[in-house]
Amino acid sequence: IESLVNRGLYETDIAAETGMRKQTLRRRMKLLNLTP
């Protein structure tokens, strides 16, 4: 998801590329806030 976001994709496009449901995708995107 981070790679796709960095390439300029939006939620709808990322969901289409990964096959994730939007609800799951939104939960995963929040994990981007985790420290390394």
Full PDB file with SEQRES, HELIX, SHEET, SSBOND, CRYST1, ORIGX, SCALE, CONECT and MASTER records, all heavy atoms in Angstrom:
SEQRES   1 A   36  ILE GLU SER LEU VAL ASN ARG GLY LEU TYR GLU THR ASP          
SEQRES   2 A   36  ILE ALA ALA GLU THR GLY MET ARG LYS GLN THR LEU ARG          
SEQRES   3 A   36  ARG ARG MET LYS LEU LEU ASN LEU THR PRO                      
HELIX    1 AA1 GLU A    2  ASN A    6  1                                   5    
HELIX    2 AA2 GLU A   11  THR A   18  1                                   8    
HELIX    3 AA3 LYS A   22  LYS A   30  1                                   9    
HELIX    4 AA4 LEU A   31  ASN A   33  5                                   3    
CRYST1    1.000    1.000    1.000  90.00  90.00  90.00 P 1           1          
ORIGX1      1.000000  0.000000  0.000000        0.00000                         
ORIGX2      0.000000  1.000000  0.000000        0.00000                         
ORIGX3      0.000000  0.000000  1.000000        0.00000                         
SCALE1      1.000000  0.000000  0.000000        0.00000                         
SCALE2      0.000000  1.000000  0.000000        0.00000                         
SCALE3      0.000000  0.000000  1.000000        0.00000                         
ATOM      1  N   ILE A   1       0.839  -1.206   0.000  1.00  0.00           N  
ATOM      2  CA  ILE A   1       0.000   0.000   0.000  1.00  0.00           C  
ATOM      3  C   ILE A   1       0.870   1.252   0.000  1.00  0.00           C  
ATOM      4  O   ILE A   1       0.608   2.203  -0.742  1.00  0.00           O  
ATOM      5  CB  ILE A   1      -0.935   0.001   1.227  1.00  0.00           C  
ATOM      6  CG1 ILE A   1      -1.985  -1.105   1.082  1.00  0.00           C  
ATOM      7  CG2 ILE A   1      -1.623   1.361   1.393  1.00  0.00           C  
ATOM      8  CD1 ILE A   1      -2.755  -1.376   2.355  1.00  0.00           C  
ATOM      9  N   GLU A   2       1.916   1.255   0.832  1.00  0.00           N  
ATOM     10  CA  GLU A   2       2.808   2.413   0.906  1.00  0.00           C  
ATOM     11  C   GLU A   2       3.461   2.683  -0.448  1.00  0.00           C  
ATOM     12  O   GLU A   2       3.575   3.836  -0.880  1.00  0.00           O  
ATOM     13  CB  GLU A   2       3.873   2.184   1.971  1.00  0.00           C  
ATOM     14  CG  GLU A   2       4.759   3.393   2.222  1.00  0.00           C  
ATOM     15  CD  GLU A   2       5.663   3.189   3.415  1.00  0.00           C  
ATOM     16  OE1 GLU A   2       6.293   2.106   3.520  1.00  0.00           O  
ATOM     17  OE2 GLU A   2       5.732   4.095   4.266  1.00  0.00           O  
ATOM     18  N   SER A   3       3.867   1.616  -1.129  1.00  0.00           N  
ATOM     19  CA  SER A   3       4.482   1.762  -2.446  1.00  0.00           C  
ATOM     20  C   SER A   3       3.501   2.374  -3.445  1.00  0.00           C  
ATOM     21  O   SER A   3       3.856   3.270  -4.213  1.00  0.00           O  
ATOM     22  CB  SER A   3       4.957   0.391  -2.948  1.00  0.00           C  
ATOM     23  OG  SER A   3       5.435   0.483  -4.269  1.00  0.00           O  
ATOM     24  N   LEU A   4       2.256   1.927  -3.403  1.00  0.00           N  
ATOM     25  CA  LEU A   4       1.245   2.436  -4.336  1.00  0.00           C  
ATOM     26  C   LEU A   4       0.877   3.887  -4.010  1.00  0.00           C  
ATOM     27  O   LEU A   4       0.657   4.693  -4.922  1.00  0.00           O  
ATOM     28  CB  LEU A   4       0.003   1.542  -4.308  1.00  0.00           C  
ATOM     29  CG  LEU A   4       0.210   0.101  -4.797  1.00  0.00           C  
ATOM     30  CD1 LEU A   4      -1.068  -0.708  -4.628  1.00  0.00           C  
ATOM     31  CD2 LEU A   4       0.652   0.086  -6.256  1.00  0.00           C  
ATOM     32  N   VAL A   5       0.804   4.211  -2.719  1.00  0.00           N  
ATOM     33  CA  VAL A   5       0.517   5.589  -2.309  1.00  0.00           C  
ATOM     34  C   VAL A   5       1.626   6.516  -2.795  1.00  0.00           C  
ATOM     35  O   VAL A   5       1.375   7.608  -3.319  1.00  0.00           O  
ATOM     36  CB  VAL A   5       0.366   5.691  -0.772  1.00  0.00           C  
ATOM     37  CG1 VAL A   5       0.365   7.147  -0.318  1.00  0.00           C  
ATOM     38  CG2 VAL A   5      -0.920   5.004  -0.319  1.00  0.00           C  
ATOM     39  N   ASN A   6       2.871   6.063  -2.656  1.00  0.00           N  
ATOM     40  CA  ASN A   6       4.010   6.869  -3.093  1.00  0.00           C  
ATOM     41  C   ASN A   6       4.023   7.082  -4.602  1.00  0.00           C  
ATOM     42  O   ASN A   6       4.634   8.029  -5.098  1.00  0.00           O  
ATOM     43  CB  ASN A   6       5.320   6.218  -2.650  1.00  0.00           C  
ATOM     44  CG  ASN A   6       5.526   6.282  -1.144  1.00  0.00           C  
ATOM     45  OD1 ASN A   6       4.944   7.122  -0.472  1.00  0.00           O  
ATOM     46  ND2 ASN A   6       6.360   5.398  -0.613  1.00  0.00           N  
ATOM     47  N   ARG A   7       3.351   6.183  -5.318  1.00  0.00           N  
ATOM     48  CA  ARG A   7       3.273   6.319  -6.774  1.00  0.00           C  
ATOM     49  C   ARG A   7       2.085   7.177  -7.208  1.00  0.00           C  
ATOM     50  O   ARG A   7       1.843   7.350  -8.401  1.00  0.00           O  
ATOM     51  CB  ARG A   7       3.169   4.937  -7.427  1.00  0.00           C  
ATOM     52  CG  ARG A   7       4.429   4.094  -7.263  1.00  0.00           C  
ATOM     53  CD  ARG A   7       4.319   2.801  -8.020  1.00  0.00           C  
ATOM     54  NE  ARG A   7       5.468   1.929  -7.763  1.00  0.00           N  
ATOM     55  CZ  ARG A   7       5.676   0.767  -8.385  1.00  0.00           C  
ATOM     56  NH1 ARG A   7       4.818   0.345  -9.276  1.00  0.00           N  
ATOM     57  NH2 ARG A   7       6.739   0.042  -8.086  1.00  0.00           N  
ATOM     58  N   GLY A   8       1.336   7.672  -6.237  1.00  0.00           N  
ATOM     59  CA  GLY A   8       0.253   8.597  -6.559  1.00  0.00           C  
ATOM     60  C   GLY A   8      -1.117   7.974  -6.692  1.00  0.00           C  
ATOM     61  O   GLY A   8      -2.055   8.637  -7.147  1.00  0.00           O  
ATOM     62  N   LEU A   9      -1.294   6.716  -6.287  1.00  0.00           N  
ATOM     63  CA  LEU A   9      -2.597   6.080  -6.407  1.00  0.00           C  
ATOM     64  C   LEU A   9      -3.503   6.474  -5.247  1.00  0.00           C  
ATOM     65  O   LEU A   9      -3.046   6.715  -4.129  1.00  0.00           O  
ATOM     66  CB  LEU A   9      -2.458   4.561  -6.454  1.00  0.00           C  
ATOM     67  CG  LEU A   9      -2.279   3.948  -7.846  1.00  0.00           C  
ATOM     68  CD1 LEU A   9      -0.912   4.313  -8.395  1.00  0.00           C  
ATOM     69  CD2 LEU A   9      -2.437   2.439  -7.804  1.00  0.00           C  
ATOM     70  N   TYR A  10      -4.808   6.519  -5.535  1.00  0.00           N  
ATOM     71  CA  TYR A  10      -5.809   6.818  -4.522  1.00  0.00           C  
ATOM     72  C   TYR A  10      -6.482   5.529  -4.057  1.00  0.00           C  
ATOM     73  O   TYR A  10      -6.244   4.448  -4.607  1.00  0.00           O  
ATOM     74  CB  TYR A  10      -6.839   7.798  -5.070  1.00  0.00           C  
ATOM     75  CG  TYR A  10      -6.251   9.154  -5.405  1.00  0.00           C  
ATOM     76  CD1 TYR A  10      -5.940   9.497  -6.722  1.00  0.00           C  
ATOM     77  CD2 TYR A  10      -5.979  10.088  -4.407  1.00  0.00           C  
ATOM     78  CE1 TYR A  10      -5.382  10.729  -7.031  1.00  0.00           C  
ATOM     79  CE2 TYR A  10      -5.421  11.324  -4.703  1.00  0.00           C  
ATOM     80  CZ  TYR A  10      -5.127  11.635  -6.018  1.00  0.00           C  
ATOM     81  OH  TYR A  10      -4.565  12.845  -6.319  1.00  0.00           O  
ATOM     82  N   GLU A  11      -7.328   5.662  -3.049  1.00  0.00           N  
ATOM     83  CA  GLU A  11      -7.937   4.495  -2.409  1.00  0.00           C  
ATOM     84  C   GLU A  11      -8.605   3.545  -3.402  1.00  0.00           C  
ATOM     85  O   GLU A  11      -8.380   2.333  -3.365  1.00  0.00           O  
ATOM     86  CB  GLU A  11      -8.968   4.962  -1.369  1.00  0.00           C  
ATOM     87  CG  GLU A  11      -9.634   3.818  -0.626  1.00  0.00           C  
ATOM     88  CD  GLU A  11     -10.707   4.296   0.325  1.00  0.00           C  
ATOM     89  OE1 GLU A  11     -10.363   4.756   1.433  1.00  0.00           O  
ATOM     90  OE2 GLU A  11     -11.894   4.222  -0.044  1.00  0.00           O  
ATOM     91  N   THR A  12      -9.433   4.084  -4.297  1.00  0.00           N  
ATOM     92  CA  THR A  12     -10.160   3.244  -5.250  1.00  0.00           C  
ATOM     93  C   THR A  12      -9.197   2.464  -6.137  1.00  0.00           C  
ATOM     94  O   THR A  12      -9.396   1.270  -6.394  1.00  0.00           O  
ATOM     95  CB  THR A  12     -11.091   4.100  -6.125  1.00  0.00           C  
ATOM     96  OG1 THR A  12     -12.036   4.772  -5.279  1.00  0.00           O  
ATOM     97  CG2 THR A  12     -11.843   3.226  -7.118  1.00  0.00           C  
ATOM     98  N   ASP A  13      -8.133   3.131  -6.580  1.00  0.00           N  
ATOM     99  CA  ASP A  13      -7.166   2.486  -7.456  1.00  0.00           C  
ATOM    100  C   ASP A  13      -6.369   1.419  -6.706  1.00  0.00           C  
ATOM    101  O   ASP A  13      -6.081   0.350  -7.250  1.00  0.00           O  
ATOM    102  CB  ASP A  13      -6.207   3.525  -8.044  1.00  0.00           C  
ATOM    103  CG  ASP A  13      -6.943   4.614  -8.806  1.00  0.00           C  
ATOM    104  OD1 ASP A  13      -7.907   4.268  -9.510  1.00  0.00           O  
ATOM    105  OD2 ASP A  13      -6.565   5.792  -8.680  1.00  0.00           O  
ATOM    106  N   ILE A  14      -6.011   1.703  -5.447  1.00  0.00           N  
ATOM    107  CA  ILE A  14      -5.257   0.734  -4.657  1.00  0.00           C  
ATOM    108  C   ILE A  14      -6.110  -0.499  -4.384  1.00  0.00           C  
ATOM    109  O   ILE A  14      -5.623  -1.635  -4.446  1.00  0.00           O  
ATOM    110  CB  ILE A  14      -4.784   1.363  -3.327  1.00  0.00           C  
ATOM    111  CG1 ILE A  14      -3.782   2.490  -3.606  1.00  0.00           C  
ATOM    112  CG2 ILE A  14      -4.149   0.313  -2.424  1.00  0.00           C  
ATOM    113  CD1 ILE A  14      -3.374   3.280  -2.372  1.00  0.00           C  
ATOM    114  N   ALA A  15      -7.391  -0.280  -4.105  1.00  0.00           N  
ATOM    115  CA  ALA A  15      -8.296  -1.413  -3.874  1.00  0.00           C  
ATOM    116  C   ALA A  15      -8.381  -2.285  -5.119  1.00  0.00           C  
ATOM    117  O   ALA A  15      -8.380  -3.518  -5.036  1.00  0.00           O  
ATOM    118  CB  ALA A  15      -9.688  -0.896  -3.482  1.00  0.00           C  
ATOM    119  N   ALA A  16      -8.433  -1.646  -6.283  1.00  0.00           N  
ATOM    120  CA  ALA A  16      -8.508  -2.392  -7.539  1.00  0.00           C  
ATOM    121  C   ALA A  16      -7.217  -3.157  -7.806  1.00  0.00           C  
ATOM    122  O   ALA A  16      -7.238  -4.301  -8.266  1.00  0.00           O  
ATOM    123  CB  ALA A  16      -8.797  -1.437  -8.691  1.00  0.00           C  
ATOM    124  N   GLU A  17      -6.070  -2.543  -7.492  1.00  0.00           N  
ATOM    125  CA  GLU A  17      -4.780  -3.177  -7.753  1.00  0.00           C  
ATOM    126  C   GLU A  17      -4.524  -4.354  -6.818  1.00  0.00           C  
ATOM    127  O   GLU A  17      -3.966  -5.364  -7.217  1.00  0.00           O  
ATOM    128  CB  GLU A  17      -3.647  -2.152  -7.598  1.00  0.00           C  
ATOM    129  CG  GLU A  17      -3.481  -1.220  -8.773  1.00  0.00           C  
ATOM    130  CD  GLU A  17      -2.940  -1.936 -10.001  1.00  0.00           C  
ATOM    131  OE1 GLU A  17      -2.168  -2.891  -9.853  1.00  0.00           O  
ATOM    132  OE2 GLU A  17      -3.304  -1.537 -11.113  1.00  0.00           O  
ATOM    133  N   THR A  18      -4.918  -4.212  -5.548  1.00  0.00           N  
ATOM    134  CA  THR A  18      -4.604  -5.233  -4.548  1.00  0.00           C  
ATOM    135  C   THR A  18      -5.710  -6.261  -4.365  1.00  0.00           C  
ATOM    136  O   THR A  18      -5.468  -7.343  -3.836  1.00  0.00           O  
ATOM    137  CB  THR A  18      -4.330  -4.587  -3.176  1.00  0.00           C  
ATOM    138  OG1 THR A  18      -5.498  -3.860  -2.749  1.00  0.00           O  
ATOM    139  CG2 THR A  18      -3.141  -3.629  -3.257  1.00  0.00           C  
ATOM    140  N   GLY A  19      -6.930  -5.897  -4.769  1.00  0.00           N  
ATOM    141  CA  GLY A  19      -8.057  -6.799  -4.561  1.00  0.00           C  
ATOM    142  C   GLY A  19      -8.617  -6.742  -3.150  1.00  0.00           C  
ATOM    143  O   GLY A  19      -9.478  -7.537  -2.783  1.00  0.00           O  
ATOM    144  N   MET A  20      -8.149  -5.795  -2.353  1.00  0.00           N  
ATOM    145  CA  MET A  20      -8.651  -5.663  -0.981  1.00  0.00           C  
ATOM    146  C   MET A  20     -10.011  -4.967  -0.967  1.00  0.00           C  
ATOM    147  O   MET A  20     -10.279  -4.099  -1.792  1.00  0.00           O  
ATOM    148  CB  MET A  20      -7.695  -4.819  -0.125  1.00  0.00           C  
ATOM    149  CG  MET A  20      -6.392  -5.460   0.217  1.00  0.00           C  
ATOM    150  SD  MET A  20      -5.458  -4.390   1.361  1.00  0.00           S  
ATOM    151  CE  MET A  20      -3.827  -5.086   1.136  1.00  0.00           C  
ATOM    152  N   ARG A  21     -10.824  -5.343  -0.004  1.00  0.00           N  
ATOM    153  CA  ARG A  21     -12.049  -4.598   0.237  1.00  0.00           C  
ATOM    154  C   ARG A  21     -11.671  -3.237   0.810  1.00  0.00           C  
ATOM    155  O   ARG A  21     -10.680  -3.116   1.528  1.00  0.00           O  
ATOM    156  CB  ARG A  21     -12.945  -5.350   1.219  1.00  0.00           C  
ATOM    157  CG  ARG A  21     -13.465  -6.686   0.690  1.00  0.00           C  
ATOM    158  CD  ARG A  21     -14.327  -7.372   1.737  1.00  0.00           C  
ATOM    159  NE  ARG A  21     -14.852  -8.629   1.254  1.00  0.00           N  
ATOM    160  CZ  ARG A  21     -15.601  -9.452   1.971  1.00  0.00           C  
ATOM    161  NH1 ARG A  21     -15.898  -9.126   3.233  1.00  0.00           N  
ATOM    162  NH2 ARG A  21     -16.048 -10.579   1.456  1.00  0.00           N  
ATOM    163  N   LYS A  22     -12.482  -2.237   0.505  1.00  0.00           N  
ATOM    164  CA  LYS A  22     -12.131  -0.884   0.955  1.00  0.00           C  
ATOM    165  C   LYS A  22     -12.061  -0.791   2.469  1.00  0.00           C  
ATOM    166  O   LYS A  22     -11.228  -0.061   3.014  1.00  0.00           O  
ATOM    167  CB  LYS A  22     -13.142   0.128   0.397  1.00  0.00           C  
ATOM    168  CG  LYS A  22     -12.947   0.419  -1.088  1.00  0.00           C  
ATOM    169  CD  LYS A  22     -13.800   1.577  -1.542  1.00  0.00           C  
ATOM    170  CE  LYS A  22     -13.523   1.905  -3.010  1.00  0.00           C  
ATOM    171  NZ  LYS A  22     -14.316   3.049  -3.483  1.00  0.00           N  
ATOM    172  N   GLN A  23     -12.921  -1.526   3.158  1.00  0.00           N  
ATOM    173  CA  GLN A  23     -12.904  -1.492   4.626  1.00  0.00           C  
ATOM    174  C   GLN A  23     -11.571  -2.024   5.157  1.00  0.00           C  
ATOM    175  O   GLN A  23     -10.957  -1.439   6.064  1.00  0.00           O  
ATOM    176  CB  GLN A  23     -14.056  -2.324   5.192  1.00  0.00           C  
ATOM    177  CG  GLN A  23     -14.151  -2.280   6.712  1.00  0.00           C  
ATOM    178  CD  GLN A  23     -15.331  -3.077   7.229  1.00  0.00           C  
ATOM    179  OE1 GLN A  23     -16.051  -3.717   6.472  1.00  0.00           O  
ATOM    180  NE2 GLN A  23     -15.544  -3.050   8.533  1.00  0.00           N  
ATOM    181  N   THR A  24     -11.105  -3.136   4.572  1.00  0.00           N  
ATOM    182  CA  THR A  24      -9.812  -3.704   4.970  1.00  0.00           C  
ATOM    183  C   THR A  24      -8.682  -2.763   4.598  1.00  0.00           C  
ATOM    184  O   THR A  24      -7.747  -2.545   5.378  1.00  0.00           O  
ATOM    185  CB  THR A  24      -9.593  -5.062   4.288  1.00  0.00           C  
ATOM    186  OG1 THR A  24     -10.650  -5.955   4.655  1.00  0.00           O  
ATOM    187  CG2 THR A  24      -8.253  -5.672   4.701  1.00  0.00           C  
ATOM    188  N   LEU A  25      -8.772  -2.183   3.407  1.00  0.00           N  
ATOM    189  CA  LEU A  25      -7.727  -1.266   2.937  1.00  0.00           C  
ATOM    190  C   LEU A  25      -7.590  -0.074   3.868  1.00  0.00           C  
ATOM    191  O   LEU A  25      -6.468   0.330   4.207  1.00  0.00           O  
ATOM    192  CB  LEU A  25      -8.061  -0.799   1.521  1.00  0.00           C  
ATOM    193  CG  LEU A  25      -7.129   0.265   0.923  1.00  0.00           C  
ATOM    194  CD1 LEU A  25      -5.699  -0.241   0.861  1.00  0.00           C  
ATOM    195  CD2 LEU A  25      -7.618   0.664  -0.466  1.00  0.00           C  
ATOM    196  N   ARG A  26      -8.704   0.503   4.303  1.00  0.00           N  
ATOM    197  CA  ARG A  26      -8.645   1.666   5.185  1.00  0.00           C  
ATOM    198  C   ARG A  26      -7.985   1.316   6.517  1.00  0.00           C  
ATOM    199  O   ARG A  26      -7.227   2.115   7.073  1.00  0.00           O  
ATOM    200  CB  ARG A  26     -10.058   2.205   5.412  1.00  0.00           C  
ATOM    201  CG  ARG A  26     -10.621   2.930   4.195  1.00  0.00           C  
ATOM    202  CD  ARG A  26     -12.094   3.170   4.314  1.00  0.00           C  
ATOM    203  NE  ARG A  26     -12.635   3.739   3.081  1.00  0.00           N  
ATOM    204  CZ  ARG A  26     -13.911   3.718   2.753  1.00  0.00           C  
ATOM    205  NH1 ARG A  26     -14.797   3.148   3.564  1.00  0.00           N  
ATOM    206  NH2 ARG A  26     -14.310   4.253   1.610  1.00  0.00           N  
ATOM    207  N   ARG A  27      -8.266   0.107   7.014  1.00  0.00           N  
ATOM    208  CA  ARG A  27      -7.635  -0.316   8.264  1.00  0.00           C  
ATOM    209  C   ARG A  27      -6.141  -0.505   8.067  1.00  0.00           C  
ATOM    210  O   ARG A  27      -5.341  -0.144   8.933  1.00  0.00           O  
ATOM    211  CB  ARG A  27      -8.283  -1.610   8.763  1.00  0.00           C  
ATOM    212  CG  ARG A  27      -9.710  -1.430   9.230  1.00  0.00           C  
ATOM    213  CD  ARG A  27     -10.369  -2.746   9.579  1.00  0.00           C  
ATOM    214  NE  ARG A  27      -9.722  -3.408  10.702  1.00  0.00           N  
ATOM    215  CZ  ARG A  27     -10.091  -4.586  11.158  1.00  0.00           C  
ATOM    216  NH1 ARG A  27     -11.093  -5.244  10.579  1.00  0.00           N  
ATOM    217  NH2 ARG A  27      -9.463  -5.129  12.188  1.00  0.00           N  
ATOM    218  N   ARG A  28      -5.756  -1.079   6.923  1.00  0.00           N  
ATOM    219  CA  ARG A  28      -4.329  -1.274   6.647  1.00  0.00           C  
ATOM    220  C   ARG A  28      -3.621   0.070   6.464  1.00  0.00           C  
ATOM    221  O   ARG A  28      -2.471   0.241   6.880  1.00  0.00           O  
ATOM    222  CB  ARG A  28      -4.149  -2.132   5.399  1.00  0.00           C  
ATOM    223  CG  ARG A  28      -4.597  -3.575   5.550  1.00  0.00           C  
ATOM    224  CD  ARG A  28      -3.686  -4.331   6.480  1.00  0.00           C  
ATOM    225  NE  ARG A  28      -3.985  -5.753   6.490  1.00  0.00           N  
ATOM    226  CZ  ARG A  28      -4.743  -6.372   7.391  1.00  0.00           C  
ATOM    227  NH1 ARG A  28      -5.286  -5.649   8.379  1.00  0.00           N  
ATOM    228  NH2 ARG A  28      -4.953  -7.668   7.334  1.00  0.00           N  
ATOM    229  N   MET A  29      -4.286   1.020   5.838  1.00  0.00           N  
ATOM    230  CA  MET A  29      -3.662   2.323   5.587  1.00  0.00           C  
ATOM    231  C   MET A  29      -3.354   3.044   6.895  1.00  0.00           C  
ATOM    232  O   MET A  29      -2.380   3.795   6.988  1.00  0.00           O  
ATOM    233  CB  MET A  29      -4.555   3.181   4.688  1.00  0.00           C  
ATOM    234  CG  MET A  29      -4.612   2.683   3.252  1.00  0.00           C  
ATOM    235  SD  MET A  29      -5.549   3.738   2.135  1.00  0.00           S  
ATOM    236  CE  MET A  29      -4.339   5.060   1.869  1.00  0.00           C  
ATOM    237  N   LYS A  30      -4.166   2.824   7.920  1.00  0.00           N  
ATOM    238  CA  LYS A  30      -3.899   3.441   9.223  1.00  0.00           C  
ATOM    239  C   LYS A  30      -2.601   2.905   9.822  1.00  0.00           C  
ATOM    240  O   LYS A  30      -1.929   3.593  10.586  1.00  0.00           O  
ATOM    241  CB  LYS A  30      -5.070   3.185  10.173  1.00  0.00           C  
ATOM    242  CG  LYS A  30      -6.342   3.938   9.788  1.00  0.00           C  
ATOM    243  CD  LYS A  30      -7.483   3.607  10.731  1.00  0.00           C  
ATOM    244  CE  LYS A  30      -8.761   4.357  10.319  1.00  0.00           C  
ATOM    245  NZ  LYS A  30      -9.899   4.003  11.192  1.00  0.00           N  
ATOM    246  N   LEU A  31      -2.233   1.656   9.439  1.00  0.00           N  
ATOM    247  CA  LEU A  31      -0.997   1.064   9.961  1.00  0.00           C  
ATOM    248  C   LEU A  31       0.243   1.746   9.402  1.00  0.00           C  
ATOM    249  O   LEU A  31       1.353   1.519   9.908  1.00  0.00           O  
ATOM    250  CB  LEU A  31      -0.957  -0.435   9.639  1.00  0.00           C  
ATOM    251  CG  LEU A  31      -2.014  -1.308  10.327  1.00  0.00           C  
ATOM    252  CD1 LEU A  31      -1.912  -2.745   9.839  1.00  0.00           C  
ATOM    253  CD2 LEU A  31      -1.868  -1.246  11.839  1.00  0.00           C  
ATOM    254  N   LEU A  32       0.073   2.572   8.377  1.00  0.00           N  
ATOM    255  CA  LEU A  32       1.208   3.324   7.848  1.00  0.00           C  
ATOM    256  C   LEU A  32       1.757   4.295   8.890  1.00  0.00           C  
ATOM    257  O   LEU A  32       2.889   4.776   8.760  1.00  0.00           O  
ATOM    258  CB  LEU A  32       0.795   4.094   6.582  1.00  0.00           C  
ATOM    259  CG  LEU A  32       0.416   3.249   5.358  1.00  0.00           C  
ATOM    260  CD1 LEU A  32      -0.082   4.149   4.238  1.00  0.00           C  
ATOM    261  CD2 LEU A  32       1.592   2.414   4.886  1.00  0.00           C  
ATOM    262  N   ASN A  33       0.951   4.594   9.926  1.00  0.00           N  
ATOM    263  CA  ASN A  33       1.386   5.515  10.983  1.00  0.00           C  
ATOM    264  C   ASN A  33       2.297   4.833  12.011  1.00  0.00           C  
ATOM    265  O   ASN A  33       2.820   5.499  12.908  1.00  0.00           O  
ATOM    266  CB  ASN A  33       0.168   6.099  11.707  1.00  0.00           C  
ATOM    267  CG  ASN A  33      -0.660   6.989  10.801  1.00  0.00           C  
ATOM    268  OD1 ASN A  33      -0.130   7.684   9.940  1.00  0.00           O  
ATOM    269  ND2 ASN A  33      -1.973   6.975  10.990  1.00  0.00           N  
ATOM    270  N   LEU A  34       2.478   3.522  11.891  1.00  0.00           N  
ATOM    271  CA  LEU A  34       3.360   2.830  12.836  1.00  0.00           C  
ATOM    272  C   LEU A  34       4.810   3.266  12.635  1.00  0.00           C  
ATOM    273  O   LEU A  34       5.257   3.459  11.506  1.00  0.00           O  
ATOM    274  CB  LEU A  34       3.265   1.312  12.637  1.00  0.00           C  
ATOM    275  CG  LEU A  34       1.993   0.604  13.099  1.00  0.00           C  
ATOM    276  CD1 LEU A  34       2.047  -0.860  12.678  1.00  0.00           C  
ATOM    277  CD2 LEU A  34       1.810   0.723  14.604  1.00  0.00           C  
ATOM    278  N   THR A  35       5.536   3.378  13.741  1.00  0.00           N  
ATOM    279  CA  THR A  35       6.966   3.675  13.644  1.00  0.00           C  
ATOM    280  C   THR A  35       7.684   2.427  13.108  1.00  0.00           C  
ATOM    281  O   THR A  35       7.164   1.303  13.239  1.00  0.00           O  
ATOM    282  CB  THR A  35       7.543   4.045  15.017  1.00  0.00           C  
ATOM    283  OG1 THR A  35       7.321   2.944  15.916  1.00  0.00           O  
ATOM    284  CG2 THR A  35       6.883   5.297  15.563  1.00  0.00           C  
ATOM    285  N   PRO A  36       8.864   2.580  12.510  1.00  0.00           N  
ATOM    286  CA  PRO A  36       9.592   1.417  11.959  1.00  0.00           C  
ATOM    287  C   PRO A  36       9.769   0.256  12.943  1.00  0.00           C  
ATOM    288  O   PRO A  36       9.572  -0.901  12.548  1.00  0.00           O  
ATOM    289  CB  PRO A  36      10.928   2.021  11.524  1.00  0.00           C  
ATOM    290  CG  PRO A  36      10.580   3.433  11.156  1.00  0.00           C  
ATOM    291  CD  PRO A  36       9.544   3.855  12.160  1.00  0.00           C  
TER     292      PRO A  36                                                      
MASTER        0    0    0    4    0    0    0    6  291    1    0    3          
END                                                                             
